[in-house]
Amino acid sequence: MLTTNHPLRRARSQGAALPIALILLAILTMLAVAGMRSAGMGFIMAGNEQYRERAFVASEVGIEQGMAFGTFNPSTPTVTVAGAVPNAPTDNYTANLLRQLNGVPQGALWGSSWNSFSTFHFQLASTGTSVRNATALHNQGVAVIAPYSSTFNGPGGL
């Protein structure tokens, strides 16, 4: 019978702590690396969302600029308004003002005095861009009410 003081028993039990400690250290290192990768991916996703939001704002600025500076003239097929967003030089917009229905005036659907008016229909399509290829596209419909006309008499506005 072997006792705890026997030399063979001691030789077998020595050194077991080192492999176990190394295995635990390797597991903890893998968990730490995975946690750092996850946190880094979270930062990248948050940055992408911020750039997507900036592209959204740039597209909205394009709609506003198109409404302010676009010429709503049915004889002009397309008008383009483009530029950089104020205070954000990396964010740009391009707004295209397109006439609808080939610029043909649309008469009123109702009777009486409404028959003395026509509407001209336009589409304002704005594309906003930001860094990391973030883009946003917005469309806005516009109807311009004008005196009734069966034809448009050329440039110069309504």
N, C-alpha and C. Protein backbone atom coordinates (compact mmCIF):
# COMPACT_ATOMS: atom_id res chain seq x y z
N MET A 1 0.82 -1.17 0.00
CA MET A 1 0.00 0.00 0.00
C MET A 1 0.87 1.24 0.00
N LEU A 2 0.46 2.22 -0.84
CA LEU A 2 1.23 3.46 -0.95
C LEU A 2 0.64 4.52 -0.04
N THR A 3 1.49 5.23 0.57
CA THR A 3 1.04 6.34 1.41
C THR A 3 1.28 7.63 0.67
N THR A 4 0.81 8.74 1.23
CA THR A 4 0.96 10.04 0.57
C THR A 4 2.40 10.50 0.56
N ASN A 5 3.21 9.94 1.40
CA ASN A 5 4.62 10.32 1.42
C ASN A 5 5.46 9.47 0.49
N HIS A 6 4.85 8.57 -0.18
CA HIS A 6 5.59 7.69 -1.07
C HIS A 6 6.11 8.48 -2.27
N PRO A 7 7.34 8.28 -2.74
CA PRO A 7 7.94 9.06 -3.83
C PRO A 7 7.22 8.89 -5.17
N LEU A 8 6.63 7.75 -5.46
CA LEU A 8 5.94 7.58 -6.74
C LEU A 8 4.65 8.39 -6.81
N ARG A 9 3.94 8.49 -5.71
CA ARG A 9 2.69 9.24 -5.68
C ARG A 9 2.97 10.72 -5.93
N ARG A 10 4.02 11.25 -5.31
CA ARG A 10 4.37 12.67 -5.48
C ARG A 10 4.78 12.95 -6.92
N ALA A 11 5.47 12.09 -7.55
CA ALA A 11 5.96 12.31 -8.91
C ALA A 11 4.80 12.40 -9.89
N ARG A 12 3.77 11.64 -9.69
CA ARG A 12 2.61 11.70 -10.58
C ARG A 12 1.81 12.98 -10.41
N SER A 13 1.68 13.53 -9.24
CA SER A 13 0.85 14.70 -9.00
C SER A 13 1.55 16.02 -9.29
N GLN A 14 2.82 16.04 -9.42
CA GLN A 14 3.53 17.29 -9.68
C GLN A 14 3.39 17.68 -11.15
N GLY A 15 3.18 19.00 -11.43
CA GLY A 15 3.12 19.51 -12.79
C GLY A 15 1.74 19.55 -13.40
N ALA A 16 0.70 19.11 -12.71
CA ALA A 16 -0.64 19.14 -13.26
C ALA A 16 -1.20 20.57 -13.29
N ALA A 17 -0.76 21.44 -12.43
CA ALA A 17 -1.27 22.82 -12.36
C ALA A 17 -0.83 23.63 -13.58
N LEU A 18 0.35 23.41 -14.09
CA LEU A 18 0.86 24.18 -15.22
C LEU A 18 0.05 23.95 -16.50
N PRO A 19 -0.25 22.72 -16.92
CA PRO A 19 -1.07 22.54 -18.13
C PRO A 19 -2.48 23.09 -17.98
N ILE A 20 -3.06 22.92 -16.80
CA ILE A 20 -4.41 23.46 -16.56
C ILE A 20 -4.39 24.98 -16.62
N ALA A 21 -3.38 25.60 -16.02
CA ALA A 21 -3.28 27.06 -16.06
C ALA A 21 -3.07 27.56 -17.48
N LEU A 22 -2.28 26.86 -18.28
CA LEU A 22 -2.07 27.26 -19.67
C LEU A 22 -3.34 27.13 -20.50
N ILE A 23 -4.10 26.08 -20.27
CA ILE A 23 -5.37 25.89 -20.99
C ILE A 23 -6.35 27.01 -20.62
N LEU A 24 -6.45 27.32 -19.33
CA LEU A 24 -7.34 28.41 -18.89
C LEU A 24 -6.89 29.75 -19.46
N LEU A 25 -5.59 29.98 -19.48
CA LEU A 25 -5.06 31.22 -20.05
C LEU A 25 -5.37 31.32 -21.54
N ALA A 26 -5.28 30.23 -22.26
CA ALA A 26 -5.61 30.23 -23.69
C ALA A 26 -7.10 30.52 -23.91
N ILE A 27 -7.96 29.92 -23.08
CA ILE A 27 -9.40 30.17 -23.20
C ILE A 27 -9.72 31.63 -22.90
N LEU A 28 -9.13 32.19 -21.85
CA LEU A 28 -9.36 33.59 -21.53
C LEU A 28 -8.85 34.52 -22.63
N THR A 29 -7.73 34.18 -23.24
CA THR A 29 -7.20 34.99 -24.34
C THR A 29 -8.15 34.97 -25.53
N MET A 30 -8.68 33.78 -25.86
CA MET A 30 -9.63 33.70 -26.98
C MET A 30 -10.90 34.50 -26.69
N LEU A 31 -11.39 34.45 -25.45
CA LEU A 31 -12.57 35.24 -25.09
C LEU A 31 -12.29 36.74 -25.18
N ALA A 32 -11.11 37.16 -24.76
CA ALA A 32 -10.75 38.58 -24.83
C ALA A 32 -10.64 39.05 -26.28
N VAL A 33 -10.03 38.24 -27.13
CA VAL A 33 -9.91 38.61 -28.55
C VAL A 33 -11.30 38.68 -29.19
N ALA A 34 -12.16 37.73 -28.88
CA ALA A 34 -13.52 37.76 -29.43
C ALA A 34 -14.28 38.98 -28.95
N GLY A 35 -14.11 39.35 -27.69
CA GLY A 35 -14.77 40.55 -27.18
C GLY A 35 -14.27 41.82 -27.84
N MET A 36 -12.98 41.89 -28.10
CA MET A 36 -12.43 43.08 -28.76
C MET A 36 -12.91 43.15 -30.21
N ARG A 37 -13.00 42.02 -30.89
CA ARG A 37 -13.51 42.01 -32.26
C ARG A 37 -14.97 42.45 -32.29
N SER A 38 -15.75 41.99 -31.34
CA SER A 38 -17.16 42.35 -31.27
C SER A 38 -17.32 43.85 -31.02
N ALA A 39 -16.52 44.40 -30.12
CA ALA A 39 -16.59 45.84 -29.85
C ALA A 39 -16.15 46.64 -31.07
N GLY A 40 -15.11 46.18 -31.76
CA GLY A 40 -14.66 46.86 -32.97
C GLY A 40 -15.72 46.84 -34.06
N MET A 41 -16.41 45.71 -34.20
CA MET A 41 -17.49 45.60 -35.19
C MET A 41 -18.65 46.53 -34.82
N GLY A 42 -18.92 46.68 -33.54
CA GLY A 42 -19.96 47.61 -33.10
C GLY A 42 -19.63 49.04 -33.46
N PHE A 43 -18.37 49.42 -33.32
CA PHE A 43 -17.95 50.78 -33.70
C PHE A 43 -18.11 50.98 -35.21
N ILE A 44 -17.76 49.99 -35.99
CA ILE A 44 -17.89 50.11 -37.45
C ILE A 44 -19.35 50.23 -37.85
N MET A 45 -20.22 49.42 -37.23
CA MET A 45 -21.65 49.49 -37.56
C MET A 45 -22.24 50.83 -37.15
N ALA A 46 -21.83 51.37 -36.01
CA ALA A 46 -22.32 52.68 -35.58
C ALA A 46 -21.85 53.77 -36.54
N GLY A 47 -20.62 53.67 -37.00
CA GLY A 47 -20.11 54.64 -37.97
C GLY A 47 -20.87 54.56 -39.29
N ASN A 48 -21.15 53.35 -39.76
CA ASN A 48 -21.91 53.20 -41.00
C ASN A 48 -23.31 53.78 -40.86
N GLU A 49 -23.93 53.59 -39.73
CA GLU A 49 -25.27 54.16 -39.50
C GLU A 49 -25.20 55.69 -39.49
N GLN A 50 -24.15 56.25 -38.92
CA GLN A 50 -23.99 57.70 -38.91
C GLN A 50 -23.83 58.22 -40.34
N TYR A 51 -23.04 57.55 -41.16
CA TYR A 51 -22.86 57.98 -42.54
C TYR A 51 -24.14 57.82 -43.36
N ARG A 52 -24.90 56.77 -43.08
CA ARG A 52 -26.19 56.61 -43.76
C ARG A 52 -27.14 57.74 -43.40
N GLU A 53 -27.13 58.13 -42.14
CA GLU A 53 -27.97 59.25 -41.70
C GLU A 53 -27.52 60.56 -42.36
N ARG A 54 -26.22 60.74 -42.51
CA ARG A 54 -25.72 61.95 -43.17
C ARG A 54 -26.12 61.97 -44.64
N ALA A 55 -26.14 60.82 -45.31
CA ALA A 55 -26.60 60.75 -46.69
C ALA A 55 -28.08 61.07 -46.77
N PHE A 56 -28.86 60.62 -45.78
CA PHE A 56 -30.28 60.93 -45.72
C PHE A 56 -30.49 62.45 -45.63
N VAL A 57 -29.74 63.10 -44.76
CA VAL A 57 -29.84 64.55 -44.61
C VAL A 57 -29.42 65.25 -45.90
N ALA A 58 -28.37 64.76 -46.54
CA ALA A 58 -27.92 65.37 -47.81
C ALA A 58 -29.01 65.26 -48.87
N SER A 59 -29.71 64.14 -48.91
CA SER A 59 -30.79 63.98 -49.86
C SER A 59 -31.94 64.95 -49.56
N GLU A 60 -32.23 65.14 -48.30
CA GLU A 60 -33.27 66.11 -47.92
C GLU A 60 -32.86 67.53 -48.28
N VAL A 61 -31.59 67.86 -48.11
CA VAL A 61 -31.09 69.18 -48.52
C VAL A 61 -31.27 69.34 -50.02
N GLY A 62 -31.03 68.28 -50.78
CA GLY A 62 -31.24 68.33 -52.23
C GLY A 62 -32.68 68.63 -52.59
N ILE A 63 -33.63 68.04 -51.86
CA ILE A 63 -35.05 68.34 -52.10
C ILE A 63 -35.32 69.82 -51.82
N GLU A 64 -34.82 70.32 -50.70
CA GLU A 64 -35.03 71.72 -50.35
C GLU A 64 -34.42 72.66 -51.38
N GLN A 65 -33.19 72.36 -51.82
CA GLN A 65 -32.53 73.21 -52.81
C GLN A 65 -33.23 73.12 -54.16
N GLY A 66 -33.71 71.95 -54.51
CA GLY A 66 -34.46 71.80 -55.75
C GLY A 66 -35.76 72.59 -55.73
N MET A 67 -36.43 72.59 -54.58
CA MET A 67 -37.66 73.38 -54.45
C MET A 67 -37.36 74.88 -54.52
N ALA A 68 -36.23 75.28 -53.95
CA ALA A 68 -35.90 76.71 -53.90
C ALA A 68 -35.33 77.22 -55.23
N PHE A 69 -34.49 76.44 -55.88
CA PHE A 69 -33.76 76.94 -57.05
C PHE A 69 -34.12 76.24 -58.36
N GLY A 70 -35.00 75.26 -58.31
CA GLY A 70 -35.40 74.59 -59.54
C GLY A 70 -36.37 75.46 -60.33
N THR A 71 -36.28 75.38 -61.63
CA THR A 71 -37.22 76.13 -62.48
C THR A 71 -38.34 75.18 -62.87
N PHE A 72 -39.50 75.44 -62.39
CA PHE A 72 -40.66 74.59 -62.66
C PHE A 72 -41.27 75.03 -63.98
N ASN A 73 -40.57 74.69 -65.05
CA ASN A 73 -40.97 75.09 -66.39
C ASN A 73 -41.24 73.82 -67.18
N PRO A 74 -42.47 73.62 -67.64
CA PRO A 74 -42.80 72.37 -68.33
C PRO A 74 -42.12 72.21 -69.68
N SER A 75 -41.54 73.27 -70.25
CA SER A 75 -40.84 73.11 -71.53
C SER A 75 -39.41 72.60 -71.34
N THR A 76 -38.92 72.58 -70.10
CA THR A 76 -37.57 72.08 -69.81
C THR A 76 -37.67 70.64 -69.31
N PRO A 77 -37.07 69.68 -70.03
CA PRO A 77 -37.22 68.28 -69.61
C PRO A 77 -36.62 67.97 -68.24
N THR A 78 -35.38 68.44 -67.97
CA THR A 78 -34.72 68.12 -66.70
C THR A 78 -33.89 69.31 -66.25
N VAL A 79 -33.98 69.62 -64.97
CA VAL A 79 -33.14 70.64 -64.35
C VAL A 79 -32.39 69.96 -63.22
N THR A 80 -31.08 70.18 -63.14
CA THR A 80 -30.26 69.55 -62.09
C THR A 80 -29.71 70.62 -61.17
N VAL A 81 -29.87 70.39 -59.88
CA VAL A 81 -29.30 71.25 -58.84
C VAL A 81 -28.40 70.35 -58.00
N ALA A 82 -27.12 70.71 -57.87
CA ALA A 82 -26.18 69.87 -57.14
C ALA A 82 -25.26 70.74 -56.29
N GLY A 83 -24.71 70.14 -55.24
CA GLY A 83 -23.77 70.87 -54.40
C GLY A 83 -23.42 70.08 -53.15
N ALA A 84 -22.66 70.73 -52.29
CA ALA A 84 -22.26 70.13 -51.01
C ALA A 84 -23.19 70.64 -49.91
N VAL A 85 -23.41 69.82 -48.92
CA VAL A 85 -24.24 70.21 -47.78
C VAL A 85 -23.47 71.25 -46.97
N PRO A 86 -24.11 72.35 -46.60
CA PRO A 86 -23.41 73.35 -45.78
C PRO A 86 -22.88 72.74 -44.48
N ASN A 87 -21.66 73.10 -44.12
CA ASN A 87 -20.98 72.63 -42.91
C ASN A 87 -20.69 71.13 -42.93
N ALA A 88 -20.78 70.50 -44.08
CA ALA A 88 -20.45 69.08 -44.21
C ALA A 88 -19.86 68.85 -45.60
N PRO A 89 -18.59 69.21 -45.80
CA PRO A 89 -18.03 69.18 -47.15
C PRO A 89 -17.91 67.79 -47.78
N THR A 90 -18.00 66.73 -46.99
CA THR A 90 -17.92 65.39 -47.57
C THR A 90 -19.28 64.86 -47.99
N ASP A 91 -20.35 65.58 -47.67
CA ASP A 91 -21.71 65.15 -48.01
C ASP A 91 -22.22 65.98 -49.19
N ASN A 92 -22.71 65.31 -50.23
CA ASN A 92 -23.16 65.98 -51.44
C ASN A 92 -24.57 65.55 -51.80
N TYR A 93 -25.22 66.39 -52.61
CA TYR A 93 -26.55 66.07 -53.11
C TYR A 93 -26.62 66.39 -54.59
N THR A 94 -27.47 65.67 -55.28
CA THR A 94 -27.80 65.95 -56.67
C THR A 94 -29.31 65.79 -56.79
N ALA A 95 -29.98 66.87 -57.14
CA ALA A 95 -31.43 66.86 -57.28
C ALA A 95 -31.79 67.09 -58.73
N ASN A 96 -32.60 66.21 -59.29
CA ASN A 96 -33.07 66.32 -60.66
C ASN A 96 -34.56 66.64 -60.65
N LEU A 97 -34.92 67.75 -61.28
CA LEU A 97 -36.31 68.16 -61.41
C LEU A 97 -36.79 67.71 -62.78
N LEU A 98 -37.69 66.74 -62.80
CA LEU A 98 -38.17 66.15 -64.05
C LEU A 98 -39.62 66.53 -64.27
N ARG A 99 -39.94 66.93 -65.48
CA ARG A 99 -41.35 67.19 -65.77
C ARG A 99 -42.06 65.86 -65.94
N GLN A 100 -43.31 65.82 -65.57
CA GLN A 100 -44.12 64.63 -65.70
C GLN A 100 -45.16 64.84 -66.79
N LEU A 101 -45.65 63.79 -67.36
CA LEU A 101 -46.70 63.82 -68.38
C LEU A 101 -46.27 64.65 -69.59
N ASN A 102 -44.97 64.63 -69.88
CA ASN A 102 -44.38 65.36 -71.02
C ASN A 102 -44.68 66.85 -70.98
N GLY A 103 -44.93 67.40 -69.81
CA GLY A 103 -45.17 68.83 -69.67
C GLY A 103 -46.55 69.27 -70.11
N VAL A 104 -47.44 68.34 -70.37
CA VAL A 104 -48.79 68.67 -70.82
C VAL A 104 -49.61 69.13 -69.62
N PRO A 105 -50.31 70.26 -69.72
CA PRO A 105 -51.12 70.73 -68.59
C PRO A 105 -52.31 69.80 -68.38
N GLN A 106 -52.66 69.61 -67.13
CA GLN A 106 -53.78 68.78 -66.76
C GLN A 106 -54.93 69.67 -66.32
N GLY A 107 -56.06 69.50 -66.93
CA GLY A 107 -57.23 70.31 -66.58
C GLY A 107 -57.82 69.87 -65.26
N ALA A 108 -58.67 70.71 -64.72
CA ALA A 108 -59.33 70.40 -63.45
C ALA A 108 -60.36 69.30 -63.66
N LEU A 109 -60.57 68.51 -62.63
CA LEU A 109 -61.55 67.43 -62.70
C LEU A 109 -62.96 67.91 -62.37
N TRP A 110 -63.06 69.08 -61.78
CA TRP A 110 -64.36 69.57 -61.32
C TRP A 110 -64.88 70.64 -62.27
N GLY A 111 -66.09 71.02 -62.11
CA GLY A 111 -66.70 72.05 -62.95
C GLY A 111 -66.48 73.44 -62.37
N SER A 112 -67.23 74.38 -62.82
CA SER A 112 -67.25 75.79 -62.42
C SER A 112 -65.90 76.47 -62.61
N SER A 113 -65.47 77.28 -61.65
CA SER A 113 -64.27 78.10 -61.83
C SER A 113 -62.98 77.28 -61.88
N TRP A 114 -63.01 76.02 -61.45
CA TRP A 114 -61.80 75.20 -61.50
C TRP A 114 -61.37 74.97 -62.95
N ASN A 115 -62.29 75.09 -63.90
CA ASN A 115 -61.93 74.87 -65.30
C ASN A 115 -61.00 75.96 -65.83
N SER A 116 -60.82 77.04 -65.07
CA SER A 116 -59.92 78.10 -65.53
C SER A 116 -58.48 77.87 -65.08
N PHE A 117 -58.20 76.71 -64.46
CA PHE A 117 -56.86 76.40 -63.99
C PHE A 117 -56.36 75.09 -64.60
N SER A 118 -55.03 75.01 -64.70
CA SER A 118 -54.36 73.78 -65.12
C SER A 118 -53.30 73.46 -64.07
N THR A 119 -52.88 72.22 -64.05
CA THR A 119 -51.75 71.86 -63.19
C THR A 119 -50.67 71.23 -64.05
N PHE A 120 -49.44 71.56 -63.70
CA PHE A 120 -48.26 70.96 -64.32
C PHE A 120 -47.59 70.12 -63.25
N HIS A 121 -47.24 68.90 -63.59
CA HIS A 121 -46.70 67.96 -62.61
C HIS A 121 -45.20 67.76 -62.82
N PHE A 122 -44.48 67.71 -61.68
CA PHE A 122 -43.03 67.55 -61.69
C PHE A 122 -42.65 66.51 -60.64
N GLN A 123 -41.49 65.90 -60.85
CA GLN A 123 -40.91 64.99 -59.87
C GLN A 123 -39.52 65.50 -59.53
N LEU A 124 -39.26 65.61 -58.24
CA LEU A 124 -37.95 66.04 -57.75
C LEU A 124 -37.28 64.82 -57.12
N ALA A 125 -36.25 64.29 -57.79
CA ALA A 125 -35.52 63.11 -57.32
C ALA A 125 -34.16 63.56 -56.81
N SER A 126 -33.89 63.36 -55.53
CA SER A 126 -32.65 63.81 -54.91
C SER A 126 -31.86 62.62 -54.39
N THR A 127 -30.56 62.62 -54.71
CA THR A 127 -29.66 61.59 -54.21
C THR A 127 -28.62 62.24 -53.32
N GLY A 128 -28.54 61.79 -52.08
CA GLY A 128 -27.54 62.28 -51.14
C GLY A 128 -26.44 61.25 -50.96
N THR A 129 -25.18 61.71 -50.89
CA THR A 129 -24.07 60.79 -50.70
C THR A 129 -23.21 61.27 -49.54
N SER A 130 -22.58 60.31 -48.89
CA SER A 130 -21.64 60.58 -47.80
C SER A 130 -20.47 59.62 -47.96
N VAL A 131 -19.55 59.64 -47.01
CA VAL A 131 -18.39 58.76 -47.11
C VAL A 131 -18.79 57.30 -46.91
N ARG A 132 -17.89 56.40 -47.23
CA ARG A 132 -18.11 54.95 -47.19
C ARG A 132 -19.25 54.51 -48.10
N ASN A 133 -19.44 55.21 -49.21
CA ASN A 133 -20.45 54.89 -50.22
C ASN A 133 -21.88 54.89 -49.67
N ALA A 134 -22.15 55.69 -48.66
CA ALA A 134 -23.50 55.80 -48.14
C ALA A 134 -24.32 56.67 -49.09
N THR A 135 -25.49 56.19 -49.50
CA THR A 135 -26.37 56.95 -50.39
C THR A 135 -27.81 56.85 -49.90
N ALA A 136 -28.57 57.87 -50.25
CA ALA A 136 -30.00 57.88 -49.95
C ALA A 136 -30.71 58.56 -51.12
N LEU A 137 -31.86 58.06 -51.51
CA LEU A 137 -32.62 58.60 -52.62
C LEU A 137 -34.01 58.98 -52.12
N HIS A 138 -34.42 60.20 -52.41
CA HIS A 138 -35.75 60.66 -52.05
C HIS A 138 -36.44 61.22 -53.28
N ASN A 139 -37.73 61.03 -53.36
CA ASN A 139 -38.55 61.56 -54.45
C ASN A 139 -39.63 62.45 -53.86
N GLN A 140 -39.89 63.55 -54.54
CA GLN A 140 -40.92 64.49 -54.10
C GLN A 140 -41.74 64.88 -55.32
N GLY A 141 -43.03 64.74 -55.23
CA GLY A 141 -43.92 65.18 -56.31
C GLY A 141 -44.34 66.62 -56.09
N VAL A 142 -44.43 67.37 -57.18
CA VAL A 142 -44.83 68.78 -57.11
C VAL A 142 -45.86 69.03 -58.19
N ALA A 143 -46.94 69.71 -57.84
CA ALA A 143 -47.95 70.13 -58.81
C ALA A 143 -48.01 71.65 -58.77
N VAL A 144 -47.85 72.27 -59.92
CA VAL A 144 -47.88 73.73 -60.03
C VAL A 144 -49.20 74.10 -60.67
N ILE A 145 -49.96 74.96 -59.99
CA ILE A 145 -51.24 75.42 -60.51
C ILE A 145 -50.99 76.67 -61.33
N ALA A 146 -51.56 76.70 -62.53
CA ALA A 146 -51.37 77.83 -63.44
C ALA A 146 -52.70 78.14 -64.13
N PRO A 147 -52.81 79.29 -64.75
CA PRO A 147 -54.03 79.57 -65.54
C PRO A 147 -54.20 78.51 -66.62
N TYR A 148 -55.44 78.23 -66.95
CA TYR A 148 -55.73 77.16 -67.90
C TYR A 148 -55.10 77.45 -69.26
N SER A 149 -54.52 76.40 -69.83
CA SER A 149 -53.95 76.49 -71.16
C SER A 149 -53.97 75.10 -71.75
N SER A 150 -54.40 74.99 -72.99
CA SER A 150 -54.37 73.68 -73.62
C SER A 150 -52.98 73.35 -74.11
N THR A 151 -52.16 74.37 -74.31
CA THR A 151 -50.76 74.18 -74.69
C THR A 151 -49.91 75.15 -73.90
N PHE A 152 -48.64 74.86 -73.86
CA PHE A 152 -47.69 75.75 -73.18
C PHE A 152 -47.05 76.63 -74.24
N ASN A 153 -46.94 77.92 -73.98
CA ASN A 153 -46.48 78.87 -74.98
C ASN A 153 -44.98 79.13 -74.94
N GLY A 154 -44.17 78.16 -74.57
CA GLY A 154 -42.73 78.32 -74.64
C GLY A 154 -42.10 78.74 -73.32
N PRO A 155 -40.80 79.03 -73.35
CA PRO A 155 -40.07 79.33 -72.13
C PRO A 155 -40.50 80.64 -71.50
N GLY A 156 -40.07 80.83 -70.27
CA GLY A 156 -40.40 82.06 -69.57
C GLY A 156 -41.18 81.82 -68.32
N GLY A 157 -41.47 80.58 -68.00
CA GLY A 157 -42.19 80.28 -66.76
C GLY A 157 -43.67 80.21 -67.00
N LEU A 158 -44.39 80.09 -65.91
CA LEU A 158 -45.84 79.94 -66.01
C LEU A 158 -46.51 81.27 -65.95
